[in-house]
Amino acid sequence: MRVQCLSLTSLVFRAHPTSRYSVAALLGAIQSDSRLSELILKAPLRNFESVVRNHFKAGRTAAAFSVMSTHQARVQEEVRRLREICGEDLILIAGGPHASARPKDLLDCGFDYVIIGEGEQSLNDLLVKLMNDADPERVQGVVSKRTTEYPLPRSLPRILLDDYPPFALDMNVVGPVEVTRGCPYACKFCSTPFLTGGRVRHRSTKTVVHWLKRAVEERGFMRTWFLSPNALCYGGKGRTLEVEKLEGLLSASTAIEGLEEVFFGSFPSEVRPDFVTKTVLEMIRQYVANDSLQIGMQAGSDHVLELSNRGHSVEEGMNAVRLALDSGFIPHVDMIFGLPGERDSDLRASLDLCHSLDEMGASVHGHVFMPLPGSAFENMPAGVLNQETRKELGEMSRRGVLTGSWSNQEKLARDLESKQER
């Protein structure tokens, strides 16, 4: 039986490669909170279960996971093993996109508390309650098995990015600097509109420079990546180019002594094609270290783009590719195969587009449509590739034209679809 009177002493994060960016930000938020200065923090890259067990033996311990929808099966198995090792006295906490979209899934698989929405503030408040043996369910956005109504993430308060570090320097758990959060566009294959409600926020140039200077001085940073759903929207409300603010960010960041390289507009970020202009690319080229530019075209058919509420045309995408090439970038173009409503002719158009991009000198990053919880397409059938398409994509992969985990995503998409049906 759980001993409720013991106060929390340790928190161990599951530092899986697929969730390392969110873990870095959450650990940074915890370390910046004076209320949590006595909490022992760990984020092991190896032997996670052993570290949890050792801390559990020494005192009251929680294990935290950031969960994407494609992680659910792995996380469920890890939770099962932790329960076998530590029993019910171990506190299990979940957050992340799947926690916000499907909190009951994670409560049903064994988590004690699930955080809906942004975690920087609510996780800290939850930990403070647990350290002081207070009621965790009084924290906004935190739910448990006793919760009867789950809040929508977009209805919860939004944090100010400037109030929190982008990573955990003291623990040397670092990642890209998130400069923008949220997206005003409502692409139906994406869960971001459900999670953020369409509001766009930026980390100020002053704050970005502050943390990068510290990273150079304290951790020997020589390069950094900026993280954004649409890198070219920096400084505005998400629908317009703000060239002066964008240049201010890049100019101030690249001027930091000791920081040799800044990567912007390349993976793990991307740019919308309708934001690409000759002027902005020529400006960016003066500052960034990346030779590639990640462009989110998504389909080679205007019919599919319209059904997906993408908000741009194929021609705008191709114009962005041409401008990128003219500006000295190698375009890496995101494409999604099997989107809802895709006809044979639409698929053929997307495949032909991939070949055209290859001839132009661009490359393709391929995906298969996955019905993500929280997206407008969450109840649509998973993307399925016929044998002929699979063979054609495989040949492009062998020639180095196509990158990405499209073959694995087909199985993940079916798994997501089967979970939605249950």
Protein backbone atom coordinates (compact mmCIF):
# COMPACT_ATOMS: atom_id res chain seq x y z
CA MET A 1 0.00 0.00 0.00
CA ARG A 2 1.32 3.46 -0.89
CA VAL A 3 2.81 5.41 2.00
CA GLN A 4 1.35 8.90 1.48
CA CYS A 5 3.13 10.62 4.36
CA LEU A 6 6.61 10.43 2.82
CA SER A 7 7.83 13.53 0.97
CA LEU A 8 9.48 13.34 -2.42
CA THR A 9 13.29 13.40 -2.40
CA SER A 10 14.34 12.34 -5.94
CA LEU A 11 13.13 12.73 -9.51
CA VAL A 12 14.51 10.56 -12.33
CA PHE A 13 13.71 11.53 -15.93
CA ARG A 14 13.51 8.99 -18.71
CA ALA A 15 16.07 10.53 -21.08
CA HIS A 16 15.11 8.68 -24.25
CA PRO A 17 16.69 9.99 -27.50
CA THR A 18 13.26 10.82 -28.94
CA SER A 19 12.33 13.09 -26.01
CA ARG A 20 15.69 14.66 -25.19
CA TYR A 21 14.69 18.19 -26.21
CA SER A 22 11.68 18.36 -23.90
CA VAL A 23 13.60 16.71 -21.05
CA ALA A 24 16.36 19.33 -21.35
CA ALA A 25 13.83 22.17 -21.12
CA LEU A 26 11.93 20.64 -18.20
CA LEU A 27 15.10 19.96 -16.23
CA GLY A 28 16.19 23.53 -16.86
CA ALA A 29 12.86 24.79 -15.50
CA ILE A 30 13.24 22.67 -12.35
CA GLN A 31 16.79 23.82 -11.75
CA SER A 32 15.73 27.47 -12.03
CA ASP A 33 13.03 27.06 -9.34
CA SER A 34 14.35 27.82 -5.85
CA ARG A 35 11.48 25.84 -4.31
CA LEU A 36 13.02 22.67 -5.74
CA SER A 37 16.65 23.26 -4.80
CA GLU A 38 16.67 20.27 -2.41
CA LEU A 39 15.24 17.82 -4.95
CA ILE A 40 17.74 15.27 -6.30
CA LEU A 41 17.55 15.30 -10.11
CA LYS A 42 18.77 12.58 -12.47
CA ALA A 43 18.38 12.02 -16.21
CA PRO A 44 20.51 8.97 -17.04
CA LEU A 45 21.18 8.12 -20.66
CA ARG A 46 21.73 4.48 -19.66
CA ASN A 47 20.48 2.10 -16.97
CA PHE A 48 17.34 4.11 -16.27
CA GLU A 49 15.65 1.32 -14.31
CA SER A 50 18.71 0.75 -12.12
CA VAL A 51 18.98 4.45 -11.31
CA VAL A 52 15.29 4.59 -10.39
CA ARG A 53 15.64 1.50 -8.18
CA ASN A 54 18.69 2.87 -6.34
CA HIS A 55 17.03 6.21 -5.59
CA PHE A 56 13.80 4.47 -4.65
CA LYS A 57 15.68 2.45 -2.02
CA ALA A 58 17.15 5.66 -0.59
CA GLY A 59 13.95 7.71 -0.37
CA ARG A 60 10.69 8.78 -1.93
CA THR A 61 11.22 8.82 -5.70
CA ALA A 62 9.32 9.82 -8.84
CA ALA A 63 10.03 8.78 -12.41
CA ALA A 64 8.99 11.15 -15.20
CA PHE A 65 8.34 10.46 -18.89
CA SER A 66 7.70 12.80 -21.82
CA VAL A 67 5.44 10.78 -24.12
CA MET A 68 4.70 11.17 -27.81
CA SER A 69 1.90 9.08 -29.30
CA THR A 70 4.37 6.87 -31.15
CA HIS A 71 6.13 6.09 -27.83
CA GLN A 72 3.11 4.65 -26.06
CA ALA A 73 3.89 0.94 -26.44
CA ARG A 74 7.49 1.38 -25.28
CA VAL A 75 6.50 3.54 -22.34
CA GLN A 76 3.78 1.13 -21.26
CA GLU A 77 6.30 -1.71 -21.10
CA GLU A 78 8.78 0.41 -19.15
CA VAL A 79 6.07 1.37 -16.66
CA ARG A 80 5.19 -2.29 -16.20
CA ARG A 81 8.79 -3.16 -15.40
CA LEU A 82 9.17 -0.26 -12.97
CA ARG A 83 6.07 -1.39 -11.11
CA GLU A 84 7.52 -4.90 -10.87
CA ILE A 85 10.77 -3.48 -9.47
CA CYS A 86 9.45 -0.79 -7.12
CA GLY A 87 5.78 -1.53 -6.63
CA GLU A 88 3.08 1.06 -6.09
CA ASP A 89 5.16 3.39 -3.90
CA LEU A 90 7.09 4.69 -6.90
CA ILE A 91 5.45 7.89 -8.21
CA LEU A 92 5.05 7.90 -11.99
CA ILE A 93 4.51 11.17 -13.86
CA ALA A 94 3.75 11.61 -17.57
CA GLY A 95 3.69 14.67 -19.79
CA GLY A 96 4.20 15.48 -23.45
CA PRO A 97 1.92 15.56 -26.52
CA HIS A 98 0.21 12.21 -25.88
CA ALA A 99 -0.41 13.11 -22.24
CA SER A 100 -2.21 16.26 -23.36
CA ALA A 101 -4.26 14.56 -26.06
CA ARG A 102 -4.99 11.24 -24.32
CA PRO A 103 -4.38 11.54 -20.56
CA LYS A 104 -6.59 8.56 -19.74
CA ASP A 105 -4.38 6.27 -21.88
CA LEU A 106 -1.44 6.98 -19.60
CA LEU A 107 -3.39 6.81 -16.37
CA ASP A 108 -4.73 3.42 -17.48
CA CYS A 109 -1.22 2.12 -18.14
CA GLY A 110 -0.05 2.93 -14.62
CA PHE A 111 0.90 6.58 -14.26
CA ASP A 112 -0.11 8.33 -11.04
CA TYR A 113 -0.17 11.86 -12.44
CA VAL A 114 -0.47 13.18 -15.98
CA ILE A 115 0.34 16.76 -16.94
CA ILE A 116 -1.88 18.28 -19.61
CA GLY A 117 -0.47 21.22 -21.55
CA GLU A 118 2.89 22.90 -21.06
CA GLY A 119 5.00 21.36 -18.34
CA GLU A 120 7.48 24.00 -17.22
CA GLN A 121 5.19 25.51 -14.57
CA SER A 122 2.76 22.69 -13.80
CA LEU A 123 5.47 20.05 -13.32
CA ASN A 124 7.31 22.32 -10.91
CA ASP A 125 4.12 23.00 -8.96
CA LEU A 126 3.36 19.29 -8.83
CA LEU A 127 6.83 18.49 -7.51
CA VAL A 128 6.52 21.18 -4.83
CA LYS A 129 3.27 19.59 -3.67
CA LEU A 130 4.87 16.14 -3.56
CA MET A 131 7.90 17.43 -1.66
CA ASN A 132 5.63 19.01 0.94
CA ASP A 133 3.14 16.15 1.18
CA ALA A 134 0.35 18.40 -0.16
CA ASP A 135 -2.50 17.63 -2.56
CA PRO A 136 -1.04 17.39 -6.11
CA GLU A 137 -4.44 17.54 -7.77
CA ARG A 138 -4.80 21.18 -6.81
CA VAL A 139 -2.22 21.97 -9.50
CA GLN A 140 -3.77 23.31 -12.70
CA GLY A 141 -3.30 20.89 -15.57
CA VAL A 142 -2.47 17.86 -13.37
CA VAL A 143 -4.87 14.90 -13.46
CA SER A 144 -4.97 11.50 -11.76
CA LYS A 145 -7.22 8.45 -11.72
CA ARG A 146 -9.56 10.35 -9.41
CA THR A 147 -10.04 13.13 -11.98
CA THR A 148 -13.43 13.12 -13.68
CA GLU A 149 -12.99 16.00 -16.15
CA TYR A 150 -9.84 16.63 -18.15
CA PRO A 151 -8.96 20.19 -19.21
CA LEU A 152 -8.14 21.00 -22.82
CA PRO A 153 -4.50 22.06 -23.17
CA ARG A 154 -5.37 25.21 -25.11
CA SER A 155 -7.63 26.34 -22.24
CA LEU A 156 -4.77 26.31 -19.71
CA PRO A 157 -2.47 29.29 -18.97
CA ARG A 158 0.49 29.78 -21.32
CA ILE A 159 4.00 30.27 -20.02
CA LEU A 160 6.38 33.03 -21.06
CA LEU A 161 9.37 31.37 -22.70
CA ASP A 162 11.65 34.07 -21.31
CA ASP A 163 10.81 32.92 -17.78
CA TYR A 164 12.52 29.55 -18.28
CA PRO A 165 15.91 28.30 -19.48
CA PRO A 166 15.94 26.44 -22.82
CA PHE A 167 18.08 23.65 -21.31
CA ALA A 168 19.67 22.41 -18.07
CA LEU A 169 23.21 23.74 -18.06
CA ASP A 170 24.03 22.62 -14.50
CA MET A 171 23.33 19.00 -15.47
CA ASN A 172 24.81 19.41 -18.96
CA VAL A 173 21.50 18.22 -20.43
CA VAL A 174 21.26 20.47 -23.47
CA GLY A 175 19.60 20.67 -26.84
CA PRO A 176 18.42 23.19 -29.43
CA VAL A 177 17.20 26.56 -28.21
CA GLU A 178 13.44 26.77 -28.67
CA VAL A 179 12.93 30.27 -30.08
CA THR A 180 9.26 29.87 -31.06
CA ARG A 181 6.39 27.83 -29.66
CA GLY A 182 3.01 27.44 -31.32
CA CYS A 183 1.63 27.82 -34.83
CA PRO A 184 -1.38 29.83 -36.09
CA TYR A 185 -2.00 27.46 -39.00
CA ALA A 186 -4.39 24.54 -38.57
CA CYS A 187 -2.91 21.78 -40.70
CA LYS A 188 -5.21 18.83 -40.15
CA PHE A 189 -2.44 16.22 -39.85
CA CYS A 190 -0.78 18.13 -36.98
CA SER A 191 -1.71 18.15 -33.28
CA THR A 192 -0.08 21.53 -32.56
CA PRO A 193 -3.37 23.50 -33.00
CA PHE A 194 -4.98 21.30 -30.33
CA LEU A 195 -2.02 21.71 -27.99
CA THR A 196 -1.39 25.45 -28.37
CA GLY A 197 -4.67 26.88 -29.62
CA GLY A 198 -2.86 28.69 -32.42
CA ARG A 199 -1.07 31.24 -30.27
CA VAL A 200 2.58 31.94 -31.20
CA ARG A 201 5.19 32.96 -28.63
CA HIS A 202 8.89 33.69 -29.02
CA ARG A 203 11.90 33.62 -26.72
CA SER A 204 13.35 37.13 -26.91
CA THR A 205 16.71 37.79 -28.55
CA LYS A 206 18.02 39.12 -25.23
CA THR A 207 17.14 35.88 -23.44
CA VAL A 208 18.49 33.68 -26.24
CA VAL A 209 21.81 35.52 -26.13
CA HIS A 210 21.94 35.29 -22.33
CA TRP A 211 21.63 31.51 -22.32
CA LEU A 212 23.95 30.98 -25.27
CA LYS A 213 26.66 33.07 -23.60
CA ARG A 214 26.32 30.98 -20.47
CA ALA A 215 26.43 27.79 -22.53
CA VAL A 216 29.67 28.92 -24.20
CA GLU A 217 31.27 29.96 -20.91
CA GLU A 218 30.09 27.08 -18.72
CA ARG A 219 29.80 24.15 -21.12
CA GLY A 220 32.07 25.03 -24.00
CA PHE A 221 29.30 25.39 -26.54
CA MET A 222 30.71 25.95 -30.03
CA ARG A 223 27.47 25.62 -32.01
CA THR A 224 23.73 25.79 -31.50
CA TRP A 225 20.50 24.94 -33.27
CA PHE A 226 17.31 26.97 -33.05
CA LEU A 227 14.01 25.13 -32.70
CA SER A 228 10.82 26.47 -34.27
CA PRO A 229 7.78 25.06 -36.12
CA ASN A 230 8.34 27.76 -38.75
CA ALA A 231 11.71 29.42 -38.33
CA LEU A 232 10.84 32.35 -40.60
CA CYS A 233 7.97 33.55 -38.39
CA TYR A 234 10.30 34.64 -35.56
CA GLY A 235 9.32 37.91 -33.90
CA GLY A 236 5.76 38.15 -35.21
CA LYS A 237 2.35 36.57 -34.67
CA GLY A 238 3.13 33.64 -36.92
CA ARG A 239 1.63 34.70 -40.22
CA THR A 240 4.08 37.32 -41.46
CA LEU A 241 7.79 37.77 -41.99
CA GLU A 242 9.48 40.11 -39.52
CA VAL A 243 12.84 40.42 -41.27
CA GLU A 244 14.34 42.99 -38.91
CA LYS A 245 13.54 40.95 -35.79
CA LEU A 246 14.78 37.78 -37.45
CA GLU A 247 18.04 39.42 -38.44
CA GLY A 248 18.36 40.83 -34.93
CA LEU A 249 18.21 37.31 -33.49
CA LEU A 250 20.78 35.92 -35.94
CA SER A 251 23.11 38.91 -35.74
CA ALA A 252 23.20 38.94 -31.93
CA SER A 253 23.59 35.17 -31.66
CA THR A 254 26.39 34.83 -34.18
CA ALA A 255 28.25 37.73 -32.53
CA ILE A 256 28.71 35.75 -29.29
CA GLU A 257 32.41 35.18 -28.77
CA GLY A 258 33.25 31.48 -28.84
CA LEU A 259 30.02 30.42 -30.56
CA GLU A 260 31.28 29.33 -33.95
CA GLU A 261 28.15 28.02 -35.67
CA VAL A 262 24.42 28.78 -35.59
CA PHE A 263 22.00 26.47 -37.41
CA PHE A 264 18.66 27.97 -38.37
CA GLY A 265 15.89 26.70 -40.64
CA SER A 266 17.42 23.23 -40.82
CA PHE A 267 16.33 20.08 -39.00
CA PRO A 268 14.85 19.90 -36.33
CA SER A 269 13.15 23.09 -37.52
CA GLU A 270 11.59 23.85 -40.87
CA VAL A 271 10.18 26.78 -42.85
CA ARG A 272 6.83 27.21 -44.54
CA PRO A 273 7.29 27.70 -48.30
CA ASP A 274 4.96 30.71 -48.38
CA PHE A 275 7.39 32.57 -46.08
CA VAL A 276 10.41 32.06 -48.34
CA THR A 277 11.62 35.14 -50.22
CA LYS A 278 14.86 36.00 -51.93
CA THR A 279 15.48 38.85 -49.47
CA VAL A 280 15.10 36.77 -46.32
CA LEU A 281 17.22 33.89 -47.64
CA GLU A 282 20.03 36.18 -48.69
CA MET A 283 19.96 37.76 -45.24
CA ILE A 284 19.97 34.40 -43.43
CA ARG A 285 22.80 33.06 -45.58
CA GLN A 286 25.12 35.71 -44.11
CA TYR A 287 24.76 34.27 -40.61
CA VAL A 288 23.92 30.57 -40.55
CA ALA A 289 26.24 27.57 -40.71
CA ASN A 290 23.77 25.18 -42.33
CA ASP A 291 23.87 24.51 -46.05
CA SER A 292 20.42 22.87 -45.96
CA LEU A 293 16.99 24.44 -45.58
CA GLN A 294 14.09 22.29 -44.36
CA ILE A 295 10.97 23.18 -46.34
CA GLY A 296 7.56 21.80 -45.39
CA MET A 297 5.81 21.18 -48.70
CA GLN A 298 4.01 17.96 -47.56
CA ALA A 299 2.36 16.98 -50.87
CA GLY A 300 2.72 17.36 -54.62
CA SER A 301 -1.01 17.87 -55.16
CA ASP A 302 -2.97 21.07 -54.55
CA HIS A 303 -6.02 18.88 -53.92
CA VAL A 304 -4.31 17.15 -50.98
CA LEU A 305 -2.83 20.40 -49.65
CA GLU A 306 -6.30 21.95 -49.64
CA LEU A 307 -7.87 18.94 -47.91
CA SER A 308 -5.14 19.16 -45.27
CA ASN A 309 -5.73 22.90 -44.77
CA ARG A 310 -2.07 23.51 -45.49
CA GLY A 311 -2.54 27.07 -46.71
CA HIS A 312 -0.09 27.12 -49.62
CA SER A 313 0.13 25.66 -53.11
CA VAL A 314 2.53 23.28 -54.82
CA GLU A 315 3.80 26.16 -56.95
CA GLU A 316 4.63 28.18 -53.82
CA GLY A 317 6.54 25.17 -52.58
CA MET A 318 8.49 24.82 -55.82
CA ASN A 319 9.22 28.54 -55.85
CA ALA A 320 10.65 28.24 -52.32
CA VAL A 321 12.87 25.38 -53.52
CA ARG A 322 14.14 27.43 -56.47
CA LEU A 323 14.85 30.44 -54.25
CA ALA A 324 16.68 28.26 -51.75
CA LEU A 325 18.89 26.81 -54.48
CA ASP A 326 19.59 30.28 -55.88
CA SER A 327 20.61 31.43 -52.39
CA GLY A 328 23.09 28.61 -51.88
CA PHE A 329 20.95 26.29 -49.75
CA ILE A 330 20.23 22.63 -50.45
CA PRO A 331 16.47 22.25 -49.94
CA HIS A 332 15.36 19.29 -47.81
CA VAL A 333 11.67 18.99 -48.61
CA ASP A 334 9.21 17.31 -46.23
CA MET A 335 6.61 15.11 -47.94
CA ILE A 336 3.79 13.06 -46.39
CA PHE A 337 2.44 10.07 -48.31
CA GLY A 338 -1.00 8.57 -47.66
CA LEU A 339 -2.75 11.71 -46.42
CA PRO A 340 -6.55 11.46 -46.11
CA GLY A 341 -8.29 12.07 -49.42
CA GLU A 342 -5.18 11.27 -51.47
CA ARG A 343 -6.17 9.76 -54.82
CA ASP A 344 -3.95 7.66 -57.09
CA SER A 345 -3.37 10.72 -59.25
CA ASP A 346 -2.38 12.78 -56.18
CA LEU A 347 0.10 10.12 -55.06
CA ARG A 348 1.57 10.00 -58.56
CA ALA A 349 1.93 13.78 -58.50
CA SER A 350 3.81 13.61 -55.18
CA LEU A 351 6.13 10.89 -56.46
CA ASP A 352 6.79 12.81 -59.67
CA LEU A 353 7.53 15.88 -57.59
CA CYS A 354 10.14 13.92 -55.64
CA HIS A 355 11.89 13.02 -58.90
CA SER A 356 11.75 16.66 -60.04
CA LEU A 357 13.26 17.79 -56.75
CA ASP A 358 16.08 15.31 -57.22
CA GLU A 359 16.80 16.66 -60.70
CA MET A 360 16.89 20.21 -59.30
CA GLY A 361 19.45 19.27 -56.64
CA ALA A 362 17.11 19.05 -53.65
CA SER A 363 16.44 16.07 -51.39
CA VAL A 364 13.24 14.72 -49.84
CA HIS A 365 12.43 13.83 -46.24
CA GLY A 366 9.64 11.28 -46.45
CA HIS A 367 6.83 10.51 -44.01
CA VAL A 368 3.76 8.29 -43.99
CA PHE A 369 0.57 9.84 -42.63
CA MET A 370 -0.06 9.00 -38.99
CA PRO A 371 -3.44 9.80 -37.33
CA LEU A 372 -2.02 11.73 -34.39
CA PRO A 373 -4.27 12.14 -31.34
CA GLY A 374 -5.43 15.74 -31.04
CA SER A 375 -5.14 16.42 -34.77
CA ALA A 376 -8.16 17.09 -36.98
CA PHE A 377 -7.28 13.87 -38.85
CA GLU A 378 -6.94 11.73 -35.71
CA ASN A 379 -9.85 9.46 -36.69
CA MET A 380 -8.83 9.06 -40.32
CA PRO A 381 -7.31 5.83 -41.67
CA ALA A 382 -3.55 5.43 -41.35
CA GLY A 383 -1.46 6.02 -44.43
CA VAL A 384 -0.89 2.84 -46.45
CA LEU A 385 1.66 2.46 -49.24
CA ASN A 386 1.01 0.01 -52.05
CA GLN A 387 3.80 -2.27 -53.14
CA GLU A 388 4.64 -0.21 -56.22
CA THR A 389 4.96 3.01 -54.17
CA ARG A 390 7.00 1.28 -51.49
CA LYS A 391 9.37 0.00 -54.17
CA GLU A 392 9.71 3.45 -55.76
CA LEU A 393 10.40 5.12 -52.41
CA GLY A 394 12.86 2.39 -51.53
CA GLU A 395 14.79 3.00 -54.73
CA MET A 396 14.91 6.74 -53.98
CA SER A 397 16.20 5.93 -50.51
CA ARG A 398 18.94 3.71 -51.91
CA ARG A 399 20.04 6.50 -54.23
CA GLY A 400 20.14 8.97 -51.33
CA VAL A 401 17.34 11.12 -52.72
CA LEU A 402 14.89 10.24 -49.93
CA THR A 403 15.62 10.23 -46.20
CA GLY A 404 13.41 9.70 -43.16
CA SER A 405 11.74 6.84 -41.30
CA TRP A 406 8.83 6.49 -43.72
CA SER A 407 8.98 2.67 -43.73
CA ASN A 408 8.77 2.46 -39.92
CA GLN A 409 6.08 5.12 -39.81
CA GLU A 410 3.72 2.93 -41.83
CA LYS A 411 3.64 0.42 -38.95
CA LEU A 412 3.44 3.16 -36.32
CA ALA A 413 0.50 4.67 -38.22
CA ARG A 414 -1.36 1.34 -38.15
CA ASP A 415 -0.67 1.01 -34.42
CA LEU A 416 -2.11 4.48 -33.80
CA GLU A 417 -5.17 3.67 -35.89
CA SER A 418 -5.81 0.46 -33.95
CA LYS A 419 -5.58 2.30 -30.62
CA GLN A 420 -8.10 4.90 -31.82
CA GLU A 421 -10.54 2.12 -32.70
CA ARG A 422 -10.43 0.57 -29.22
